[in-house]
Amino acid sequence: MAADPVHDLRVALRRCRSVAEGMQAIDPHPSWKKMRKAGKQLFSSLGGLRDCHVLAEWTAKIGFREAPSTQALITYFKQQAPTLQQQVESAFKAFDRRQWEAWGRSLTQRAARVQPGSEAFQCLALERWTEARRLHWAALKTGSSAAFHRLRIALKKFRYIVENFLPELHRDWIHDLKAMQDMLGEIHDLDTLSATLNSSQVLLEPASRELWEQRIRSERAARIDAYSQKTTGRNSLWSIWRSRLPRGEQAGRVVLKKLETWASFMRSDSGHSRRTTRFALKLFDELVRSGVVRDKTGRAREVLRAAAVLHDVGSGAGGKNYHKATRRLIRKLPIPFAWKHYELEMAALVAGYHRGMLPRSNHKKLRAVPQAARDATRRLAGILRLAHALDLNHDGAIRRIKVAKPGDYLVVYAEGLNQASVLAEKIAAARHLLETSCRVPVLIRSMPRRSRR
């Protein structure tokens, strides 16, 4: 098998698998994972053959032309090629083309639900940049082959998110991203060549082996230096890439948008989620304004908003205990950008407590968050439970709410509420957690006509 067709097929497979990996982060449909897994065996076998071709090229490039050691290494790689080709042929036979084509049709329709350049993909790029930048510093600090390998993979994932889902950024960054990835790829190739020298026993003479190791170290150091010059300092490529990604409040918005997009694939009634979120944030803001709740950093509001957006993602599983499925699903999510682990735990608990059993102060599940955050978790759960009850029938009968604090109690006025209805009875029951967690009586009333006008 020629080197170029092997490389081209491997690149095509890698693009498909990278699209699946990106979509899997916002669409939990199992077919994305199955597609990636189905292409992995063929991709890996092609990778082994591709490495053999590349290492032979490196040997001819940096070796001494007529030296016996150079010829011995080239011969070794030629001898390895037939076995690797057989592995590729076996992987080809096992590859299910019909299933791959079926995924191409069905998953294309799912991917079309999220437009390229959307905020959900901006959030994904921000997460990939953060992880790659962390590994960048670790690689420069240690200089180890393992650290540079992890950096290469992380930068590759960042590049593919930009390439597949953020076309405007890709047009501006394509040359620099490719150059840095190629540079890290060459470092990886040299590390692989060094490891092959140590494991193959091709070069038995210590002097010959040491000469090759010096040559490899020299080539590797030159590429690390070139990479460092481009990626450190005030005007580094990492800073340039970060400057075009969301910051501050905008970063918070794209995080929420990614969660909303993920939730939209999990359930069908997005209208109920929007109304519940609107009611929850209105209640929270009024409680803060009246001094009943404090939120100096704004983190509690972010946690509440995320919990409200996600509170019914488990409904697709069916059953009366779908809130428990919701809690489990949220816990499995990766930590959102700029969030702490316990904040995701809070969001999972708040969403899970929007119905069902009340959270007791010594409840086992509350131990997942720090002691200082447990009271706040109960208050947010009380707010979300009442907000969910205001649209319990998923029909938008209650159009808006107004909150007043005329004394040592709160009054929630609901436009469209019939005080004699079953819904009013259930809303009255749902206020209990809010009352006990905030230590303030809460009255639910139909909105007066003046307020409606």
Protein backbone atom coordinates (compact mmCIF):
# COMPACT_ATOMS: atom_id res chain seq x y z
CA MET A 1 0.00 0.00 0.00
CA ALA A 2 1.35 3.40 -1.02
CA ALA A 3 1.93 6.02 1.66
CA ASP A 4 -0.26 8.80 0.21
CA PRO A 5 -3.55 6.81 -0.10
CA VAL A 6 -3.05 5.44 3.42
CA HIS A 7 -2.56 8.96 4.73
CA ASP A 8 -5.56 10.35 2.80
CA LEU A 9 -7.91 7.64 4.06
CA ARG A 10 -6.69 8.10 7.60
CA VAL A 11 -7.29 11.88 7.38
CA ALA A 12 -10.83 11.29 6.06
CA LEU A 13 -11.62 8.87 8.89
CA ARG A 14 -10.14 11.25 11.43
CA ARG A 15 -12.34 14.09 10.17
CA CYS A 16 -15.47 11.95 10.49
CA ARG A 17 -14.53 10.81 13.97
CA SER A 18 -13.66 14.36 15.05
CA VAL A 19 -17.07 15.62 13.89
CA ALA A 20 -18.68 12.80 15.86
CA GLU A 21 -16.63 13.67 18.96
CA GLY A 22 -17.63 17.34 18.73
CA MET A 23 -21.32 16.58 18.23
CA GLN A 24 -21.26 14.00 21.02
CA ALA A 25 -20.47 16.81 23.47
CA ILE A 26 -23.80 18.53 22.71
CA ASP A 27 -25.93 15.66 21.35
CA PRO A 28 -26.02 12.60 23.63
CA HIS A 29 -27.46 10.29 20.95
CA PRO A 30 -25.60 6.93 21.21
CA SER A 31 -24.98 6.72 17.45
CA TRP A 32 -22.22 9.32 17.65
CA LYS A 33 -20.25 7.11 20.05
CA LYS A 34 -20.97 4.00 17.99
CA MET A 35 -19.74 5.72 14.85
CA ARG A 36 -16.47 6.74 16.50
CA LYS A 37 -15.97 3.22 17.86
CA ALA A 38 -16.73 1.58 14.50
CA GLY A 39 -14.02 3.59 12.77
CA LYS A 40 -11.42 3.18 15.50
CA GLN A 41 -10.06 -0.25 14.49
CA LEU A 42 -9.53 0.74 10.86
CA PHE A 43 -8.12 4.10 11.91
CA SER A 44 -5.65 2.50 14.33
CA SER A 45 -4.45 -0.10 11.83
CA LEU A 46 -3.91 2.63 9.24
CA GLY A 47 -2.02 4.57 11.88
CA GLY A 48 0.42 1.71 12.44
CA LEU A 49 1.16 1.46 8.72
CA ARG A 50 1.39 5.23 8.43
CA ASP A 51 3.93 5.36 11.29
CA CYS A 52 6.02 2.75 9.51
CA HIS A 53 6.07 4.87 6.34
CA VAL A 54 6.87 8.06 8.25
CA LEU A 55 9.67 6.51 10.30
CA ALA A 56 11.28 5.18 7.13
CA GLU A 57 11.15 8.70 5.69
CA TRP A 58 12.70 10.17 8.85
CA THR A 59 15.48 7.58 8.75
CA ALA A 60 16.38 8.53 5.20
CA LYS A 61 16.09 12.24 6.03
CA ILE A 62 18.30 12.51 9.11
CA GLY A 63 20.47 9.41 8.70
CA PHE A 64 23.85 9.13 7.03
CA ARG A 65 23.12 8.07 3.45
CA GLU A 66 25.51 5.21 2.90
CA ALA A 67 25.94 4.28 6.56
CA PRO A 68 25.12 0.65 7.42
CA SER A 69 22.95 1.80 10.33
CA THR A 70 20.74 3.84 8.02
CA GLN A 71 20.28 0.96 5.61
CA ALA A 72 19.62 -1.43 8.49
CA LEU A 73 16.82 0.77 9.83
CA ILE A 74 15.22 1.25 6.41
CA THR A 75 15.34 -2.51 5.85
CA TYR A 76 13.74 -3.08 9.26
CA PHE A 77 10.79 -0.79 8.43
CA LYS A 78 10.34 -2.45 5.03
CA GLN A 79 10.14 -5.81 6.77
CA GLN A 80 7.47 -4.53 9.17
CA ALA A 81 5.25 -3.17 6.38
CA PRO A 82 3.70 -6.49 5.11
CA THR A 83 2.47 -7.46 8.57
CA LEU A 84 0.95 -4.02 9.08
CA GLN A 85 -0.68 -4.19 5.63
CA GLN A 86 -2.34 -7.46 6.58
CA GLN A 87 -3.75 -5.82 9.70
CA VAL A 88 -5.17 -3.02 7.55
CA GLU A 89 -6.75 -5.54 5.15
CA SER A 90 -8.36 -7.40 8.09
CA ALA A 91 -9.73 -4.12 9.45
CA PHE A 92 -11.13 -3.30 5.99
CA LYS A 93 -13.00 -6.61 5.89
CA ALA A 94 -14.44 -6.04 9.35
CA PHE A 95 -15.51 -2.47 8.54
CA ASP A 96 -19.31 -2.22 8.06
CA ARG A 97 -19.72 0.18 5.15
CA ARG A 98 -23.52 -0.03 5.06
CA GLN A 99 -23.81 0.94 8.70
CA TRP A 100 -21.35 3.78 8.15
CA GLU A 101 -23.46 5.08 5.25
CA ALA A 102 -26.62 4.81 7.37
CA TRP A 103 -25.00 6.89 10.10
CA GLY A 104 -23.97 9.38 7.44
CA ARG A 105 -27.63 9.94 6.59
CA SER A 106 -29.18 9.92 10.07
CA LEU A 107 -26.47 11.82 11.93
CA THR A 108 -26.25 14.49 9.24
CA GLN A 109 -29.86 15.38 10.05
CA ARG A 110 -29.12 15.61 13.76
CA ALA A 111 -26.02 17.74 13.19
CA ALA A 112 -28.08 20.15 11.06
CA ARG A 113 -30.04 21.15 14.18
CA VAL A 114 -27.03 23.16 15.41
CA GLN A 115 -25.70 25.81 13.06
CA PRO A 116 -21.93 26.17 12.51
CA GLY A 117 -20.56 29.11 14.46
CA SER A 118 -23.22 28.82 17.16
CA GLU A 119 -22.52 29.66 20.80
CA ALA A 120 -22.54 25.98 21.75
CA PHE A 121 -19.55 25.36 19.48
CA GLN A 122 -17.84 28.52 20.76
CA CYS A 123 -18.11 27.06 24.26
CA LEU A 124 -16.69 23.77 23.03
CA ALA A 125 -13.73 25.56 21.45
CA LEU A 126 -13.16 27.48 24.68
CA GLU A 127 -13.05 24.22 26.64
CA ARG A 128 -10.66 22.61 24.16
CA TRP A 129 -8.41 25.70 24.20
CA THR A 130 -8.27 25.67 28.01
CA GLU A 131 -7.28 22.00 28.15
CA ALA A 132 -4.68 22.34 25.38
CA ARG A 133 -3.16 25.46 26.95
CA ARG A 134 -2.80 23.65 30.29
CA LEU A 135 -0.97 20.78 28.58
CA HIS A 136 1.16 23.30 26.65
CA TRP A 137 2.73 24.59 29.85
CA ALA A 138 3.17 21.07 31.21
CA ALA A 139 4.99 19.97 28.03
CA LEU A 140 7.36 22.95 28.03
CA LYS A 141 8.08 22.45 31.72
CA THR A 142 8.88 18.73 31.61
CA GLY A 143 9.95 18.27 27.99
CA SER A 144 8.93 14.61 28.16
CA SER A 145 7.68 12.71 25.14
CA ALA A 146 4.46 11.76 26.99
CA ALA A 147 3.70 15.41 27.80
CA PHE A 148 4.26 16.52 24.20
CA HIS A 149 2.13 13.62 22.97
CA ARG A 150 -0.78 14.74 25.21
CA LEU A 151 -0.33 18.32 24.00
CA ARG A 152 -0.38 17.17 20.37
CA ILE A 153 -3.68 15.33 20.88
CA ALA A 154 -5.24 18.28 22.76
CA LEU A 155 -4.19 20.81 20.11
CA LYS A 156 -5.53 18.49 17.43
CA LYS A 157 -8.93 18.38 19.17
CA PHE A 158 -8.98 22.17 19.46
CA ARG A 159 -8.13 22.50 15.77
CA TYR A 160 -10.87 20.07 14.71
CA ILE A 161 -13.54 21.93 16.67
CA VAL A 162 -12.51 25.15 14.93
CA GLU A 163 -12.19 23.46 11.55
CA ASN A 164 -15.52 21.59 11.68
CA PHE A 165 -17.78 24.02 13.51
CA LEU A 166 -16.33 27.57 13.51
CA PRO A 167 -15.67 28.42 9.84
CA GLU A 168 -14.86 32.11 10.35
CA LEU A 169 -12.15 31.40 12.90
CA HIS A 170 -10.86 28.54 10.82
CA ARG A 171 -10.26 30.81 7.83
CA ASP A 172 -8.11 33.08 9.98
CA TRP A 173 -6.27 30.39 11.95
CA ILE A 174 -5.87 27.50 9.51
CA HIS A 175 -2.20 28.10 8.67
CA ASP A 176 -1.00 28.63 12.25
CA LEU A 177 -3.02 25.72 13.64
CA LYS A 178 -1.72 23.38 10.95
CA ALA A 179 1.87 24.58 11.40
CA MET A 180 1.81 24.00 15.17
CA GLN A 181 0.14 20.61 14.78
CA ASP A 182 2.71 19.57 12.16
CA MET A 183 5.53 20.72 14.44
CA LEU A 184 4.19 18.69 17.36
CA GLY A 185 3.64 15.78 14.98
CA GLU A 186 7.31 15.85 13.99
CA ILE A 187 8.34 15.85 17.66
CA HIS A 188 6.12 12.80 18.14
CA ASP A 189 7.65 11.09 15.09
CA LEU A 190 11.15 11.64 16.45
CA ASP A 191 10.13 10.30 19.87
CA THR A 192 8.66 7.23 18.17
CA LEU A 193 11.84 6.72 16.16
CA SER A 194 13.90 6.91 19.35
CA ALA A 195 11.64 4.38 21.06
CA THR A 196 11.96 2.06 18.04
CA LEU A 197 15.74 2.20 18.25
CA ASN A 198 15.57 1.05 21.86
CA SER A 199 13.06 -1.74 21.30
CA SER A 200 13.95 -3.18 17.88
CA GLN A 201 17.57 -4.25 18.56
CA VAL A 202 18.43 -3.21 14.97
CA LEU A 203 21.48 -1.21 16.04
CA LEU A 204 23.56 -3.36 18.37
CA GLU A 205 26.71 -1.24 18.42
CA PRO A 206 26.62 1.31 21.29
CA ALA A 207 28.52 3.93 19.28
CA SER A 208 26.10 3.73 16.37
CA ARG A 209 23.10 3.87 18.66
CA GLU A 210 24.48 6.89 20.53
CA LEU A 211 25.14 8.70 17.23
CA TRP A 212 21.52 8.22 16.20
CA GLU A 213 20.23 9.34 19.60
CA GLN A 214 22.27 12.54 19.35
CA ARG A 215 20.91 13.23 15.88
CA ILE A 216 17.32 12.67 17.05
CA ARG A 217 17.79 14.87 20.13
CA SER A 218 19.19 17.65 17.98
CA GLU A 219 16.27 17.55 15.52
CA ARG A 220 13.77 17.33 18.37
CA ALA A 221 15.28 20.27 20.27
CA ALA A 222 15.16 22.44 17.15
CA ARG A 223 11.44 21.80 16.73
CA ILE A 224 10.66 22.39 20.39
CA ASP A 225 12.50 25.69 20.18
CA ALA A 226 10.57 26.69 17.04
CA TYR A 227 7.28 25.74 18.71
CA SER A 228 8.18 27.68 21.87
CA GLN A 229 9.02 30.82 19.91
CA LYS A 230 5.56 30.82 18.31
CA THR A 231 3.56 29.92 21.43
CA THR A 232 5.12 31.90 24.29
CA GLY A 233 5.31 35.60 25.06
CA ARG A 234 2.81 38.44 24.83
CA ASN A 235 1.94 37.89 21.16
CA SER A 236 1.91 34.11 21.26
CA LEU A 237 -0.48 32.10 19.13
CA TRP A 238 -2.25 30.88 22.27
CA SER A 239 -3.03 34.52 23.18
CA ILE A 240 -4.19 35.28 19.64
CA TRP A 241 -6.54 32.30 19.63
CA ARG A 242 -7.89 33.15 23.09
CA SER A 243 -8.60 36.75 22.09
CA ARG A 244 -11.21 35.58 19.57
CA LEU A 245 -13.01 33.26 21.98
CA PRO A 246 -15.71 34.38 24.46
CA ARG A 247 -14.69 36.21 27.64
CA GLY A 248 -16.38 37.39 30.82
CA GLU A 249 -20.17 37.51 30.62
CA GLN A 250 -20.10 36.25 27.06
CA ALA A 251 -18.26 33.12 28.24
CA GLY A 252 -21.02 32.55 30.78
CA ARG A 253 -23.64 32.87 28.03
CA VAL A 254 -22.00 30.35 25.73
CA VAL A 255 -21.70 27.88 28.61
CA LEU A 256 -25.45 28.19 29.17
CA LYS A 257 -26.10 27.89 25.45
CA LYS A 258 -24.15 24.66 25.29
CA LEU A 259 -26.21 23.28 28.19
CA GLU A 260 -29.43 24.42 26.50
CA THR A 261 -28.41 22.76 23.24
CA TRP A 262 -27.56 19.52 25.03
CA ALA A 263 -30.90 19.65 26.87
CA SER A 264 -32.83 20.27 23.63
CA PHE A 265 -31.64 16.91 22.29
CA MET A 266 -32.81 15.21 25.50
CA ARG A 267 -36.44 16.31 25.60
CA SER A 268 -39.26 17.56 23.39
CA ASP A 269 -40.98 20.25 25.51
CA SER A 270 -38.52 23.13 25.34
CA GLY A 271 -41.35 25.63 25.98
CA HIS A 272 -41.85 24.32 29.50
CA SER A 273 -38.13 24.61 30.19
CA ARG A 274 -38.07 28.22 29.00
CA ARG A 275 -41.08 29.19 31.13
CA THR A 276 -39.70 27.43 34.20
CA THR A 277 -36.34 29.16 33.74
CA ARG A 278 -38.02 32.55 33.37
CA PHE A 279 -40.11 32.06 36.52
CA ALA A 280 -37.11 30.77 38.52
CA LEU A 281 -34.89 33.71 37.60
CA LYS A 282 -37.69 36.19 38.33
CA LEU A 283 -38.22 34.66 41.79
CA PHE A 284 -34.49 34.64 42.47
CA ASP A 285 -33.95 38.26 41.41
CA GLU A 286 -36.84 39.45 43.57
CA LEU A 287 -35.61 37.47 46.56
CA VAL A 288 -32.16 39.06 46.16
CA ARG A 289 -33.68 42.53 45.75
CA SER A 290 -35.76 42.11 48.90
CA GLY A 291 -32.77 40.84 50.90
CA VAL A 292 -34.12 37.34 51.48
CA VAL A 293 -31.32 35.74 49.39
CA ARG A 294 -27.71 36.89 48.89
CA ASP A 295 -25.62 36.30 45.79
CA LYS A 296 -22.59 38.58 45.81
CA THR A 297 -20.66 36.66 43.15
CA GLY A 298 -23.54 35.79 40.82
CA ARG A 299 -22.62 32.11 40.92
CA ALA A 300 -25.86 31.06 42.63
CA ARG A 301 -27.89 32.61 39.82
CA GLU A 302 -25.79 30.78 37.23
CA VAL A 303 -26.29 27.48 39.04
CA LEU A 304 -30.05 28.08 39.29
CA ARG A 305 -30.32 29.00 35.63
CA ALA A 306 -28.44 25.86 34.56
CA ALA A 307 -30.57 23.69 36.86
CA ALA A 308 -33.77 25.23 35.47
CA VAL A 309 -32.65 24.67 31.89
CA LEU A 310 -31.77 21.04 32.64
CA HIS A 311 -34.41 20.15 35.21
CA ASP A 312 -36.42 17.80 32.96
CA VAL A 313 -33.72 16.23 30.78
CA GLY A 314 -34.47 12.87 32.38
CA SER A 315 -38.10 12.95 31.25
CA GLY A 316 -37.21 11.01 28.09
CA ALA A 317 -36.50 7.98 30.27
CA GLY A 318 -40.12 8.06 31.42
CA GLY A 319 -41.51 7.02 34.74
CA LYS A 320 -42.54 9.01 37.77
CA ASN A 321 -38.97 9.26 39.07
CA TYR A 322 -37.53 11.03 36.03
CA HIS A 323 -36.06 13.70 38.33
CA LYS A 324 -33.62 11.07 39.61
CA ALA A 325 -32.55 10.33 36.04
CA THR A 326 -32.09 14.07 35.56
CA ARG A 327 -29.76 14.25 38.53
CA ARG A 328 -27.66 11.35 37.23
CA LEU A 329 -27.41 12.79 33.72
CA ILE A 330 -26.25 16.19 34.94
CA ARG A 331 -23.61 14.62 37.17
CA LYS A 332 -22.12 12.84 34.14
CA LEU A 333 -21.61 16.11 32.26
CA PRO A 334 -18.06 17.48 31.98
CA ILE A 335 -17.41 20.43 34.30
CA PRO A 336 -18.54 23.58 32.42
CA PHE A 337 -15.94 26.21 31.61
CA ALA A 338 -14.96 28.33 34.67
CA TRP A 339 -17.19 26.21 36.94
CA LYS A 340 -16.07 24.32 40.01
CA HIS A 341 -16.91 20.67 40.52
CA TYR A 342 -19.23 21.36 43.46
CA GLU A 343 -21.22 23.89 41.38
CA LEU A 344 -22.15 21.16 38.90
CA GLU A 345 -23.11 18.99 41.87
CA MET A 346 -25.30 21.85 43.12
CA ALA A 347 -26.99 22.16 39.72
CA ALA A 348 -27.65 18.40 39.68
CA LEU A 349 -29.16 18.48 43.17
CA VAL A 350 -31.26 21.58 42.52
CA ALA A 351 -32.62 20.07 39.31
CA GLY A 352 -33.26 16.73 41.01
CA TYR A 353 -35.16 18.34 43.90
CA HIS A 354 -37.59 20.23 41.65
CA ARG A 355 -40.07 17.49 42.56
CA GLY A 356 -40.23 14.41 44.71
CA MET A 357 -38.64 14.08 48.15
CA LEU A 358 -37.64 17.26 49.98
CA PRO A 359 -33.91 17.81 50.70
CA ARG A 360 -33.32 17.39 54.41
CA SER A 361 -30.39 19.19 56.01
CA ASN A 362 -28.63 15.87 56.72
CA HIS A 363 -29.60 14.26 53.43
CA LYS A 364 -26.92 11.95 52.01
CA LYS A 365 -27.00 13.53 48.55
CA LEU A 366 -26.35 17.00 49.98
CA ARG A 367 -22.97 15.79 51.25
CA ALA A 368 -21.73 15.99 47.66
CA VAL A 369 -21.44 19.79 48.07
CA PRO A 370 -19.44 21.69 50.72
CA GLN A 371 -21.15 22.44 54.03
CA ALA A 372 -21.22 26.17 53.24
CA ALA A 373 -23.15 25.56 49.99
CA ARG A 374 -25.83 23.21 51.33
CA ASP A 375 -28.22 25.90 52.56
CA ALA A 376 -27.86 27.72 49.24
CA THR A 377 -28.63 24.46 47.42
CA ARG A 378 -31.85 24.03 49.39
CA ARG A 379 -32.90 27.62 48.68
CA LEU A 380 -32.27 27.25 44.97
CA ALA A 381 -34.16 23.96 44.97
CA GLY A 382 -37.08 25.71 46.68
CA ILE A 383 -37.11 28.40 44.00
CA LEU A 384 -36.99 25.88 41.16
CA ARG A 385 -39.68 23.68 42.72
CA LEU A 386 -42.09 26.61 42.86
CA ALA A 387 -41.13 27.78 39.36
CA HIS A 388 -41.74 24.29 37.98
CA ALA A 389 -45.16 24.12 39.68
CA LEU A 390 -46.18 27.41 38.05
CA ASP A 391 -46.05 25.60 34.70
CA LEU A 392 -46.88 22.17 36.01
CA ASN A 393 -49.32 21.42 33.18
CA HIS A 394 -46.81 22.51 30.50
CA ASP A 395 -49.50 24.67 28.90
CA GLY A 396 -48.31 28.21 29.64
CA ALA A 397 -51.57 29.02 31.44
CA ILE A 398 -49.63 31.24 33.84
CA ARG A 399 -48.13 33.85 31.58
CA ARG A 400 -46.04 35.90 34.00
CA ILE A 401 -45.45 36.47 37.70
CA LYS A 402 -44.83 39.41 39.99
CA VAL A 403 -43.26 39.27 43.46
CA ALA A 404 -43.91 41.67 46.33
CA LYS A 405 -42.76 41.82 49.95
CA PRO A 406 -45.28 44.02 51.77
CA GLY A 407 -44.08 42.85 55.20
CA ASP A 408 -42.37 39.83 56.72
CA TYR A 409 -43.77 37.64 53.98
CA LEU A 410 -43.69 37.29 50.20
CA VAL A 411 -46.59 37.42 47.77
CA VAL A 412 -46.22 35.81 44.34
CA TYR A 413 -48.85 37.12 41.92
CA ALA A 414 -49.46 34.82 38.93
CA GLU A 415 -51.26 36.06 35.84
CA GLY A 416 -53.66 33.40 34.59
CA LEU A 417 -53.95 31.53 37.88
CA ASN A 418 -57.39 30.32 38.96
CA GLN A 419 -57.34 30.28 42.77
CA ALA A 420 -59.97 27.51 42.85
CA SER A 421 -58.12 25.19 40.46
CA VAL A 422 -56.18 22.00 41.12
CA LEU A 423 -53.10 23.78 39.82
CA ALA A 424 -53.40 26.43 42.54
CA GLU A 425 -53.50 23.65 45.13
CA LYS A 426 -50.34 22.05 43.76
CA ILE A 427 -48.54 25.40 43.55
CA ALA A 428 -49.43 26.04 47.19
CA ALA A 429 -47.88 22.71 48.14
CA ALA A 430 -44.75 23.43 46.08
CA ARG A 431 -43.98 26.63 48.00
CA HIS A 432 -43.17 24.73 51.22
CA LEU A 433 -39.46 24.16 50.46
CA LEU A 434 -38.98 27.82 49.59
CA GLU A 435 -40.63 28.90 52.83
CA THR A 436 -38.58 26.61 55.05
CA SER A 437 -35.24 27.23 53.30
CA CYS A 438 -35.64 31.04 53.22
CA ARG A 439 -37.56 31.25 56.53
CA VAL A 440 -40.23 33.50 55.07
CA PRO A 441 -43.94 32.82 54.46
CA VAL A 442 -44.96 32.76 50.79
CA LEU A 443 -48.48 33.52 49.54
CA ILE A 444 -49.63 32.66 46.00
CA ARG A 445 -52.29 34.95 44.54
CA SER A 446 -53.88 35.57 41.19
CA MET A 447 -52.55 38.78 39.66
CA PRO A 448 -54.92 41.76 40.15
CA ARG A 449 -56.40 43.34 37.05
CA ARG A 450 -54.44 46.58 37.47
CA SER A 451 -51.18 44.70 37.44
CA ARG A 452 -52.28 42.89 34.31
CA ARG A 453 -52.81 46.17 32.48
